[in-house]
Amino acid sequence: QVQLMESGGGLAQPGGSLRLSCTASGPILSIVTMGWFRQAPGKQRELVASIAHNGRTTYADSVKGRFTISRDNAKNAVWLQMNSLKPEDEAVYYCNAEILTTLRGLYWGQGTQVTVSS
């Protein structure tokens, strides 16, 4: 079955940086869109950034200019470079992908904690 494996979360100071990674594995024909969502305690899960197969990107207003999403289609991988981190960026970050196998489905990673604190 398709799986998304995330890594790279952890603790950063305000103004610091972290880089999240996510790799999809399984019987994948193609990955349409890959992205990152986040969910802070007591809040709804929200889109942080997404990137289409052709490289077109979308960002939440709150992260524009600070976060950069990138992907490698050959490796079925997506990254999120997070710079100038703020306390309000603290959340569990989830990798998300729309993947074509024999069907089209939406898949989620297990989540990785990002903590921003001095």
Protein backbone atom coordinates (compact mmCIF):
# COMPACT_ATOMS: atom_id res chain seq x y z
CA GLN A 1 0.00 0.00 0.00
CA VAL A 2 1.02 3.62 -0.38
CA GLN A 3 2.83 5.17 2.55
CA LEU A 4 4.15 8.64 3.26
CA MET A 5 7.15 8.83 5.55
CA GLU A 6 8.05 12.15 7.11
CA SER A 7 11.16 13.36 8.88
CA GLY A 8 12.83 16.56 9.97
CA GLY A 9 10.65 17.97 12.67
CA GLY A 10 12.05 19.09 15.99
CA LEU A 11 12.87 22.13 18.05
CA ALA A 12 13.95 25.46 16.62
CA GLN A 13 14.40 28.87 18.14
CA PRO A 14 12.36 31.81 16.87
CA GLY A 15 14.05 33.01 13.72
CA GLY A 16 15.57 29.61 13.14
CA SER A 17 15.09 27.05 10.40
CA LEU A 18 13.95 23.49 9.93
CA ARG A 19 13.60 21.30 6.87
CA LEU A 20 10.86 18.71 6.60
CA SER A 21 11.08 15.76 4.24
CA CYS A 22 8.46 13.34 2.99
CA THR A 23 8.82 10.35 0.70
CA ALA A 24 6.02 8.31 -0.80
CA SER A 25 6.40 4.62 -1.41
CA GLY A 26 4.25 1.80 -2.77
CA PRO A 27 2.51 1.01 -6.06
CA ILE A 28 2.59 4.61 -7.32
CA LEU A 29 1.85 5.44 -10.94
CA SER A 30 2.02 9.20 -10.50
CA ILE A 31 1.75 11.83 -7.79
CA VAL A 32 -0.51 14.70 -8.76
CA THR A 33 0.03 17.08 -5.87
CA MET A 34 2.18 16.99 -2.76
CA GLY A 35 1.84 19.30 0.15
CA TRP A 36 2.17 20.09 3.82
CA PHE A 37 -0.58 20.79 6.29
CA ARG A 38 -0.27 21.67 9.95
CA GLN A 39 -2.44 21.45 13.01
CA ALA A 40 -1.85 23.30 16.25
CA PRO A 41 -3.62 22.29 19.48
CA GLY A 42 -7.23 23.40 19.45
CA LYS A 43 -7.06 24.51 15.82
CA GLN A 44 -8.16 23.03 12.54
CA ARG A 45 -5.70 21.47 10.17
CA GLU A 46 -4.61 24.03 7.60
CA LEU A 47 -2.75 24.02 4.33
CA VAL A 48 0.78 25.33 4.60
CA ALA A 49 2.04 24.77 1.06
CA SER A 50 1.43 22.53 -1.92
CA ILE A 51 3.22 21.79 -5.17
CA ALA A 52 1.79 20.30 -8.32
CA HIS A 53 3.50 17.80 -10.57
CA ASN A 54 4.49 20.66 -12.89
CA GLY A 55 6.07 22.57 -10.02
CA ARG A 56 3.34 25.13 -9.49
CA THR A 57 3.26 26.11 -5.82
CA THR A 58 0.67 27.45 -3.40
CA TYR A 59 1.42 28.93 0.01
CA ALA A 60 -0.63 30.04 2.97
CA ASP A 61 -0.34 33.79 3.42
CA SER A 62 1.16 33.29 6.86
CA VAL A 63 4.23 31.49 5.46
CA LYS A 64 4.83 33.31 2.19
CA GLY A 65 8.41 34.51 1.94
CA ARG A 66 9.53 32.27 4.80
CA PHE A 67 8.74 28.72 3.70
CA THR A 68 9.70 27.03 0.44
CA ILE A 69 8.21 23.80 -0.87
CA SER A 70 10.02 21.67 -3.42
CA ARG A 71 9.68 18.17 -4.85
CA ASP A 72 11.54 15.55 -6.83
CA ASN A 73 9.12 13.63 -9.02
CA ALA A 74 11.62 10.86 -9.70
CA LYS A 75 12.08 10.26 -5.98
CA ASN A 76 8.41 10.77 -5.01
CA ALA A 77 9.68 13.22 -2.43
CA VAL A 78 8.68 16.62 -1.16
CA TRP A 79 10.47 19.02 1.17
CA LEU A 80 9.46 22.04 3.17
CA GLN A 81 12.23 24.49 4.02
CA MET A 82 11.06 26.62 6.92
CA ASN A 83 13.00 29.78 7.67
CA SER A 84 12.40 32.67 10.06
CA LEU A 85 10.28 30.42 12.22
CA LYS A 86 7.79 32.03 14.57
CA PRO A 87 6.13 30.62 17.70
CA GLU A 88 2.86 30.54 15.78
CA ASP A 89 4.41 28.05 13.35
CA GLU A 90 4.48 25.46 16.13
CA ALA A 91 2.25 22.56 15.17
CA VAL A 92 2.19 18.99 13.98
CA TYR A 93 3.05 19.05 10.28
CA TYR A 94 1.52 16.46 7.97
CA CYS A 95 2.66 15.47 4.54
CA ASN A 96 -0.17 15.04 2.05
CA ALA A 97 -0.24 13.67 -1.47
CA GLU A 98 -2.77 12.98 -4.18
CA ILE A 99 -1.54 9.77 -5.71
CA LEU A 100 -2.54 7.68 -8.68
CA THR A 101 -2.30 3.95 -8.21
CA THR A 102 -5.04 1.92 -9.80
CA LEU A 103 -7.26 4.63 -8.36
CA ARG A 104 -6.74 8.24 -7.34
CA GLY A 105 -6.44 8.69 -3.60
CA LEU A 106 -5.44 11.20 -0.95
CA TYR A 107 -2.77 10.05 1.48
CA TRP A 108 -1.37 11.43 4.71
CA GLY A 109 1.83 11.00 6.63
CA GLN A 110 1.89 10.29 10.35
CA GLY A 111 2.82 13.84 11.28
CA THR A 112 5.96 15.40 12.67
CA GLN A 113 6.11 17.87 15.54
CA VAL A 114 7.62 21.30 14.99
CA THR A 115 8.31 23.25 18.15
CA VAL A 116 9.43 26.87 18.05
CA SER A 117 10.69 28.09 21.37
CA SER A 118 13.61 29.89 22.92
